[in-house]
Amino acid sequence: MRPYVLIYVTDVDRSRAWYERLGFRLRRLHRHGGWAELEWGEFLLYLHGTAAPRPAGFALPGFEAQEGLESLAARLSAAGVLPDPSFSTRASGAC
């Protein structure tokens, strides 16, 4: 599992350049500039372009997993990490 943060930005290219100066390395870039994926070691940073500015400090943390959901859920459960009962993938629109 790799931790990530998704940040909405009004200028993907300018934001990407700033994070690259901090030491992040470009992983993927949308060919029309709508988003960029950067990494720093095992940490991922997703920059998503938006026309509407978000509140200062707005970011969505998460984890990227390369394994199946069933094995990930079993591993997390064995480690004592239980799902939040208020979370619903249907309600959130996640797929």
C-alpha atoms as a PDB file:
ATOM      1  CA  MET A   1       0.000   0.000   0.000  1.00  0.00           C
ATOM      2  CA  ARG A   2       1.191   3.481  -0.845  1.00  0.00           C
ATOM      3  CA  PRO A   3      -0.164   6.589   0.883  1.00  0.00           C
ATOM      4  CA  TYR A   4      -1.341   9.452  -1.291  1.00  0.00           C
ATOM      5  CA  VAL A   5      -2.886  12.887  -1.098  1.00  0.00           C
ATOM      6  CA  LEU A   6      -5.184  14.287  -3.774  1.00  0.00           C
ATOM      7  CA  ILE A   7      -5.074  18.070  -4.094  1.00  0.00           C
ATOM      8  CA  TYR A   8      -7.350  20.137  -6.331  1.00  0.00           C
ATOM      9  CA  VAL A   9      -5.432  22.947  -8.029  1.00  0.00           C
ATOM     10  CA  THR A  10      -6.377  25.682 -10.486  1.00  0.00           C
ATOM     11  CA  ASP A  11      -3.082  25.381 -12.421  1.00  0.00           C
ATOM     12  CA  VAL A  12      -1.713  21.833 -12.742  1.00  0.00           C
ATOM     13  CA  ASP A  13       1.485  22.830 -14.575  1.00  0.00           C
ATOM     14  CA  ARG A  14       2.442  25.543 -12.094  1.00  0.00           C
ATOM     15  CA  SER A  15       1.643  23.301  -9.108  1.00  0.00           C
ATOM     16  CA  ARG A  16       3.548  20.381 -10.614  1.00  0.00           C
ATOM     17  CA  ALA A  17       6.618  22.559 -11.172  1.00  0.00           C
ATOM     18  CA  TRP A  18       6.469  23.748  -7.550  1.00  0.00           C
ATOM     19  CA  TYR A  19       6.277  20.204  -6.159  1.00  0.00           C
ATOM     20  CA  GLU A  20       9.070  19.051  -8.484  1.00  0.00           C
ATOM     21  CA  ARG A  21      11.295  21.801  -7.042  1.00  0.00           C
ATOM     22  CA  LEU A  22      10.565  20.291  -3.614  1.00  0.00           C
ATOM     23  CA  GLY A  23      11.871  16.914  -4.822  1.00  0.00           C
ATOM     24  CA  PHE A  24       8.764  15.152  -6.138  1.00  0.00           C
ATOM     25  CA  ARG A  25       9.235  13.191  -9.376  1.00  0.00           C
ATOM     26  CA  LEU A  26       6.627  13.119 -12.141  1.00  0.00           C
ATOM     27  CA  ARG A  27       4.995   9.700 -12.425  1.00  0.00           C
ATOM     28  CA  ARG A  28       2.213  10.398 -14.952  1.00  0.00           C
ATOM     29  CA  LEU A  29       0.778  13.442 -16.670  1.00  0.00           C
ATOM     30  CA  HIS A  30      -2.558  13.741 -18.433  1.00  0.00           C
ATOM     31  CA  ARG A  31      -1.814  14.707 -22.017  1.00  0.00           C
ATOM     32  CA  HIS A  32      -4.175  17.696 -21.851  1.00  0.00           C
ATOM     33  CA  GLY A  33      -2.928  18.856 -18.449  1.00  0.00           C
ATOM     34  CA  GLY A  34      -6.021  17.906 -16.437  1.00  0.00           C
ATOM     35  CA  TRP A  35      -4.085  16.032 -13.757  1.00  0.00           C
ATOM     36  CA  ALA A  36      -0.610  14.950 -12.714  1.00  0.00           C
ATOM     37  CA  GLU A  37       0.713  12.155 -10.522  1.00  0.00           C
ATOM     38  CA  LEU A  38       3.933  12.747  -8.634  1.00  0.00           C
ATOM     39  CA  GLU A  39       5.880  10.579  -6.223  1.00  0.00           C
ATOM     40  CA  TRP A  40       8.439  11.015  -3.508  1.00  0.00           C
ATOM     41  CA  GLY A  41       9.709   7.622  -2.414  1.00  0.00           C
ATOM     42  CA  GLU A  42       6.597   5.606  -1.572  1.00  0.00           C
ATOM     43  CA  PHE A  43       4.395   8.703  -1.168  1.00  0.00           C
ATOM     44  CA  LEU A  44       2.104   9.717  -4.049  1.00  0.00           C
ATOM     45  CA  LEU A  45       0.711  13.159  -4.771  1.00  0.00           C
ATOM     46  CA  TYR A  46      -2.196  13.574  -7.181  1.00  0.00           C
ATOM     47  CA  LEU A  47      -2.853  17.050  -8.578  1.00  0.00           C
ATOM     48  CA  HIS A  48      -6.295  17.422 -10.130  1.00  0.00           C
ATOM     49  CA  GLY A  49      -7.131  20.520 -12.146  1.00  0.00           C
ATOM     50  CA  THR A  50     -10.295  22.398 -11.267  1.00  0.00           C
ATOM     51  CA  ALA A  51     -11.632  25.787 -12.335  1.00  0.00           C
ATOM     52  CA  ALA A  52     -13.177  26.466  -8.925  1.00  0.00           C
ATOM     53  CA  PRO A  53     -10.692  27.177  -6.117  1.00  0.00           C
ATOM     54  CA  ARG A  54     -11.135  24.942  -3.065  1.00  0.00           C
ATOM     55  CA  PRO A  55     -10.834  26.089   0.549  1.00  0.00           C
ATOM     56  CA  ALA A  56      -7.250  26.596   1.745  1.00  0.00           C
ATOM     57  CA  GLY A  57      -5.739  23.366   3.003  1.00  0.00           C
ATOM     58  CA  PHE A  58      -8.286  21.171   1.192  1.00  0.00           C
ATOM     59  CA  ALA A  59      -6.865  17.722   0.368  1.00  0.00           C
ATOM     60  CA  LEU A  60      -8.072  14.115   0.293  1.00  0.00           C
ATOM     61  CA  PRO A  61      -5.739  11.522   1.840  1.00  0.00           C
ATOM     62  CA  GLY A  62      -5.878   7.861   0.897  1.00  0.00           C
ATOM     63  CA  PHE A  63      -3.942   4.736   0.004  1.00  0.00           C
ATOM     64  CA  GLU A  64      -3.222   3.105  -3.340  1.00  0.00           C
ATOM     65  CA  ALA A  65      -3.243  -0.691  -3.166  1.00  0.00           C
ATOM     66  CA  GLN A  66      -1.879  -3.099  -5.774  1.00  0.00           C
ATOM     67  CA  GLU A  67      -3.678  -6.128  -4.373  1.00  0.00           C
ATOM     68  CA  GLY A  68      -7.259  -7.341  -4.616  1.00  0.00           C
ATOM     69  CA  LEU A  69      -9.821  -5.757  -2.306  1.00  0.00           C
ATOM     70  CA  GLU A  70     -10.648  -9.056  -0.597  1.00  0.00           C
ATOM     71  CA  SER A  71      -7.024  -9.764   0.372  1.00  0.00           C
ATOM     72  CA  LEU A  72      -6.501  -6.142   1.384  1.00  0.00           C
ATOM     73  CA  ALA A  73      -9.624  -6.202   3.587  1.00  0.00           C
ATOM     74  CA  ALA A  74      -8.495  -9.487   5.196  1.00  0.00           C
ATOM     75  CA  ARG A  75      -5.000  -8.120   5.870  1.00  0.00           C
ATOM     76  CA  LEU A  76      -6.352  -4.886   7.368  1.00  0.00           C
ATOM     77  CA  SER A  77      -8.870  -6.781   9.498  1.00  0.00           C
ATOM     78  CA  ALA A  78      -6.109  -9.074  10.807  1.00  0.00           C
ATOM     79  CA  ALA A  79      -4.153  -5.938  11.761  1.00  0.00           C
ATOM     80  CA  GLY A  80      -7.127  -4.607  13.723  1.00  0.00           C
ATOM     81  CA  VAL A  81      -8.175  -1.978  11.183  1.00  0.00           C
ATOM     82  CA  LEU A  82     -11.948  -2.104  10.936  1.00  0.00           C
ATOM     83  CA  PRO A  83     -14.071  -0.350   8.304  1.00  0.00           C
ATOM     84  CA  ASP A  84     -16.036   2.742   9.268  1.00  0.00           C
ATOM     85  CA  PRO A  85     -19.701   1.578   9.351  1.00  0.00           C
ATOM     86  CA  SER A  86     -20.843   4.986   8.093  1.00  0.00           C
ATOM     87  CA  PHE A  87     -18.851   4.560   4.851  1.00  0.00           C
ATOM     88  CA  SER A  88     -20.700   3.308   1.810  1.00  0.00           C
ATOM     89  CA  THR A  89     -19.148   2.966  -1.630  1.00  0.00           C
ATOM     90  CA  ARG A  90     -22.595   3.428  -3.156  1.00  0.00           C
ATOM     91  CA  ALA A  91     -23.180   6.680  -1.285  1.00  0.00           C
ATOM     92  CA  SER A  92     -19.731   8.042  -2.099  1.00  0.00           C
ATOM     93  CA  GLY A  93     -19.840   7.116  -5.773  1.00  0.00           C
ATOM     94  CA  ALA A  94     -16.600   5.153  -5.466  1.00  0.00           C
ATOM     95  CA  CYS A  95     -16.074   2.278  -7.815  1.00  0.00           C
END
